[in-house]
């Protein structure tokens, strides 16, 4: 059975609580949340004199340029992927529209540790 990694970059962080709730309601058992910012967003804001030409994540955090959240989760079926894509777009809008977000899915051939958490929840 193939697992899938879902990666969603949410453009407007105000949508994150609703997206996270919807993913959990859909059956996602674990979600990693990262603060993130794209280079386009940094350039749009204008590079400052004191911002390095190629900023590190530390530099970005220091200058307060964090404007996105990146959500990651591994799910066990294509049906779950379809469900997650659907509920995400219900909340943040069509991902093909500008300034909504970016989602991609990658097949995962092996996972370690994922089954332990799922098994514990099934036993309860």
C-alpha atoms as a PDB file:
ATOM      1  CA  UNK A   1       0.000   0.000   0.000  1.00  0.00           C
ATOM      2  CA  UNK A   2       1.342   3.427  -0.943  1.00  0.00           C
ATOM      3  CA  UNK A   3       1.175   6.306   1.484  1.00  0.00           C
ATOM      4  CA  UNK A   4       1.088   9.928   0.353  1.00  0.00           C
ATOM      5  CA  UNK A   5       2.766  13.062   1.655  1.00  0.00           C
ATOM      6  CA  UNK A   6       0.503  16.091   1.371  1.00  0.00           C
ATOM      7  CA  UNK A   7       2.231  19.476   1.474  1.00  0.00           C
ATOM      8  CA  UNK A   8       0.061  22.592   1.591  1.00  0.00           C
ATOM      9  CA  UNK A   9       1.514  26.098   1.668  1.00  0.00           C
ATOM     10  CA  UNK A  10      -1.221  28.417   2.941  1.00  0.00           C
ATOM     11  CA  UNK A  11      -0.801  31.976   1.686  1.00  0.00           C
ATOM     12  CA  UNK A  12      -3.035  33.637   4.290  1.00  0.00           C
ATOM     13  CA  UNK A  13      -2.204  32.336   7.763  1.00  0.00           C
ATOM     14  CA  UNK A  14      -5.645  33.359   9.042  1.00  0.00           C
ATOM     15  CA  UNK A  15      -7.026  30.277   7.228  1.00  0.00           C
ATOM     16  CA  UNK A  16      -4.735  27.863   9.097  1.00  0.00           C
ATOM     17  CA  UNK A  17      -6.951  27.116  12.123  1.00  0.00           C
ATOM     18  CA  UNK A  18      -9.904  26.241   9.869  1.00  0.00           C
ATOM     19  CA  UNK A  19      -7.737  24.137   7.546  1.00  0.00           C
ATOM     20  CA  UNK A  20      -6.202  22.277  10.492  1.00  0.00           C
ATOM     21  CA  UNK A  21      -9.641  21.594  11.983  1.00  0.00           C
ATOM     22  CA  UNK A  22     -10.942  20.381   8.615  1.00  0.00           C
ATOM     23  CA  UNK A  23      -7.974  18.049   8.118  1.00  0.00           C
ATOM     24  CA  UNK A  24      -8.515  16.555  11.574  1.00  0.00           C
ATOM     25  CA  UNK A  25     -12.259  16.162  10.967  1.00  0.00           C
ATOM     26  CA  UNK A  26     -11.421  14.423   7.674  1.00  0.00           C
ATOM     27  CA  UNK A  27      -9.344  11.877   9.586  1.00  0.00           C
ATOM     28  CA  UNK A  28      -5.772  13.143   9.378  1.00  0.00           C
ATOM     29  CA  UNK A  29      -3.983  11.903  12.488  1.00  0.00           C
ATOM     30  CA  UNK A  30      -0.830  14.007  12.393  1.00  0.00           C
ATOM     31  CA  UNK A  31       0.043  17.388  10.908  1.00  0.00           C
ATOM     32  CA  UNK A  32       3.360  19.204  10.972  1.00  0.00           C
ATOM     33  CA  UNK A  33       3.157  23.004  10.759  1.00  0.00           C
ATOM     34  CA  UNK A  34       6.093  25.079   9.556  1.00  0.00           C
ATOM     35  CA  UNK A  35       6.424  28.843   9.332  1.00  0.00           C
ATOM     36  CA  UNK A  36       7.572  29.649   5.823  1.00  0.00           C
ATOM     37  CA  UNK A  37       8.037  32.415   3.313  1.00  0.00           C
ATOM     38  CA  UNK A  38       8.682  32.349  -0.385  1.00  0.00           C
ATOM     39  CA  UNK A  39      11.391  34.323  -2.121  1.00  0.00           C
ATOM     40  CA  UNK A  40       8.739  36.098  -4.195  1.00  0.00           C
ATOM     41  CA  UNK A  41       7.079  37.354  -1.011  1.00  0.00           C
ATOM     42  CA  UNK A  42      10.397  38.638   0.302  1.00  0.00           C
ATOM     43  CA  UNK A  43      11.173  40.400  -2.973  1.00  0.00           C
ATOM     44  CA  UNK A  44       7.667  41.836  -3.087  1.00  0.00           C
ATOM     45  CA  UNK A  45       8.229  43.383   0.322  1.00  0.00           C
ATOM     46  CA  UNK A  46      11.472  44.824  -0.966  1.00  0.00           C
ATOM     47  CA  UNK A  47      14.921  43.679   0.016  1.00  0.00           C
ATOM     48  CA  UNK A  48      16.300  45.927   2.700  1.00  0.00           C
ATOM     49  CA  UNK A  49      19.893  47.076   2.774  1.00  0.00           C
ATOM     50  CA  UNK A  50      20.511  45.041   5.894  1.00  0.00           C
ATOM     51  CA  UNK A  51      18.879  41.878   4.472  1.00  0.00           C
ATOM     52  CA  UNK A  52      21.459  39.503   2.945  1.00  0.00           C
ATOM     53  CA  UNK A  53      21.192  38.897  -0.819  1.00  0.00           C
ATOM     54  CA  UNK A  54      20.600  35.205  -0.162  1.00  0.00           C
ATOM     55  CA  UNK A  55      18.864  35.159   3.225  1.00  0.00           C
ATOM     56  CA  UNK A  56      19.011  32.183   5.561  1.00  0.00           C
ATOM     57  CA  UNK A  57      15.898  31.118   7.450  1.00  0.00           C
ATOM     58  CA  UNK A  58      17.415  32.821  10.510  1.00  0.00           C
ATOM     59  CA  UNK A  59      17.647  36.091   8.564  1.00  0.00           C
ATOM     60  CA  UNK A  60      14.041  35.778   7.415  1.00  0.00           C
ATOM     61  CA  UNK A  61      12.800  35.150  10.960  1.00  0.00           C
ATOM     62  CA  UNK A  62      14.884  38.053  12.250  1.00  0.00           C
ATOM     63  CA  UNK A  63      13.349  40.464   9.748  1.00  0.00           C
ATOM     64  CA  UNK A  64       9.779  39.270  10.291  1.00  0.00           C
ATOM     65  CA  UNK A  65       9.120  38.127   6.730  1.00  0.00           C
ATOM     66  CA  UNK A  66       7.140  35.015   7.706  1.00  0.00           C
ATOM     67  CA  UNK A  67       3.823  35.133   5.890  1.00  0.00           C
ATOM     68  CA  UNK A  68       2.913  31.523   5.118  1.00  0.00           C
ATOM     69  CA  UNK A  69       2.322  28.277   6.910  1.00  0.00           C
ATOM     70  CA  UNK A  70       3.360  24.987   5.367  1.00  0.00           C
ATOM     71  CA  UNK A  71       1.334  21.972   6.482  1.00  0.00           C
ATOM     72  CA  UNK A  72       2.652  18.441   6.021  1.00  0.00           C
ATOM     73  CA  UNK A  73       0.925  15.139   6.619  1.00  0.00           C
ATOM     74  CA  UNK A  74       1.280  11.539   5.506  1.00  0.00           C
ATOM     75  CA  UNK A  75      -1.990   9.792   4.681  1.00  0.00           C
ATOM     76  CA  UNK A  76      -2.710   6.196   3.720  1.00  0.00           C
ATOM     77  CA  UNK A  77      -4.941   6.448   0.633  1.00  0.00           C
ATOM     78  CA  UNK A  78      -5.738   8.379  -2.524  1.00  0.00           C
ATOM     79  CA  UNK A  79      -9.262   8.804  -1.174  1.00  0.00           C
ATOM     80  CA  UNK A  80      -7.860  10.671   1.830  1.00  0.00           C
ATOM     81  CA  UNK A  81      -5.727  12.836  -0.475  1.00  0.00           C
ATOM     82  CA  UNK A  82      -8.829  13.736  -2.483  1.00  0.00           C
ATOM     83  CA  UNK A  83     -10.737  14.532   0.704  1.00  0.00           C
ATOM     84  CA  UNK A  84      -7.945  16.762   2.036  1.00  0.00           C
ATOM     85  CA  UNK A  85      -7.613  18.631  -1.256  1.00  0.00           C
ATOM     86  CA  UNK A  86     -11.379  19.183  -1.301  1.00  0.00           C
ATOM     87  CA  UNK A  87     -11.721  20.503   2.250  1.00  0.00           C
ATOM     88  CA  UNK A  88      -8.626  22.678   1.834  1.00  0.00           C
ATOM     89  CA  UNK A  89     -10.046  24.356  -1.262  1.00  0.00           C
ATOM     90  CA  UNK A  90     -13.445  24.797   0.401  1.00  0.00           C
ATOM     91  CA  UNK A  91     -11.714  26.927   3.020  1.00  0.00           C
ATOM     92  CA  UNK A  92      -8.972  28.830   1.184  1.00  0.00           C
ATOM     93  CA  UNK A  93     -10.423  28.837  -2.321  1.00  0.00           C
ATOM     94  CA  UNK A  94      -9.352  27.372  -5.633  1.00  0.00           C
ATOM     95  CA  UNK A  95      -5.634  26.723  -5.427  1.00  0.00           C
ATOM     96  CA  UNK A  96      -5.280  27.723  -9.076  1.00  0.00           C
ATOM     97  CA  UNK A  97      -6.270  31.259  -8.083  1.00  0.00           C
ATOM     98  CA  UNK A  98      -3.504  33.663  -7.049  1.00  0.00           C
ATOM     99  CA  UNK A  99      -2.711  34.236  -3.378  1.00  0.00           C
ATOM    100  CA  UNK A 100      -4.523  31.141  -2.082  1.00  0.00           C
ATOM    101  CA  UNK A 101      -1.828  28.562  -1.624  1.00  0.00           C
ATOM    102  CA  UNK A 102       0.061  25.707  -3.188  1.00  0.00           C
ATOM    103  CA  UNK A 103      -0.539  22.014  -2.617  1.00  0.00           C
ATOM    104  CA  UNK A 104       1.354  19.001  -3.866  1.00  0.00           C
ATOM    105  CA  UNK A 105       1.242  15.292  -3.174  1.00  0.00           C
ATOM    106  CA  UNK A 106       4.163  12.880  -3.239  1.00  0.00           C
ATOM    107  CA  UNK A 107       3.977   9.091  -3.032  1.00  0.00           C
ATOM    108  CA  UNK A 108       5.768   7.755   0.034  1.00  0.00           C
ATOM    109  CA  UNK A 109       7.252   4.294  -0.369  1.00  0.00           C
ATOM    110  CA  UNK A 110       8.186   3.680   3.252  1.00  0.00           C
ATOM    111  CA  UNK A 111       7.161   5.108   6.603  1.00  0.00           C
ATOM    112  CA  UNK A 112       8.492   4.447  10.082  1.00  0.00           C
ATOM    113  CA  UNK A 113       6.608   5.423  13.191  1.00  0.00           C
ATOM    114  CA  UNK A 114       3.374   6.297  11.412  1.00  0.00           C
ATOM    115  CA  UNK A 115       1.747   2.930  12.099  1.00  0.00           C
ATOM    116  CA  UNK A 116       2.467   3.070  15.826  1.00  0.00           C
ATOM    117  CA  UNK A 117       0.371   6.198  16.312  1.00  0.00           C
ATOM    118  CA  UNK A 118      -2.456   4.861  14.154  1.00  0.00           C
ATOM    119  CA  UNK A 119      -2.438   1.553  15.996  1.00  0.00           C
ATOM    120  CA  UNK A 120      -2.659   3.232  19.411  1.00  0.00           C
ATOM    121  CA  UNK A 121      -5.649   5.305  18.302  1.00  0.00           C
ATOM    122  CA  UNK A 122      -7.418   2.203  16.974  1.00  0.00           C
ATOM    123  CA  UNK A 123      -6.936   0.395  20.316  1.00  0.00           C
ATOM    124  CA  UNK A 124      -8.563   3.226  22.311  1.00  0.00           C
END
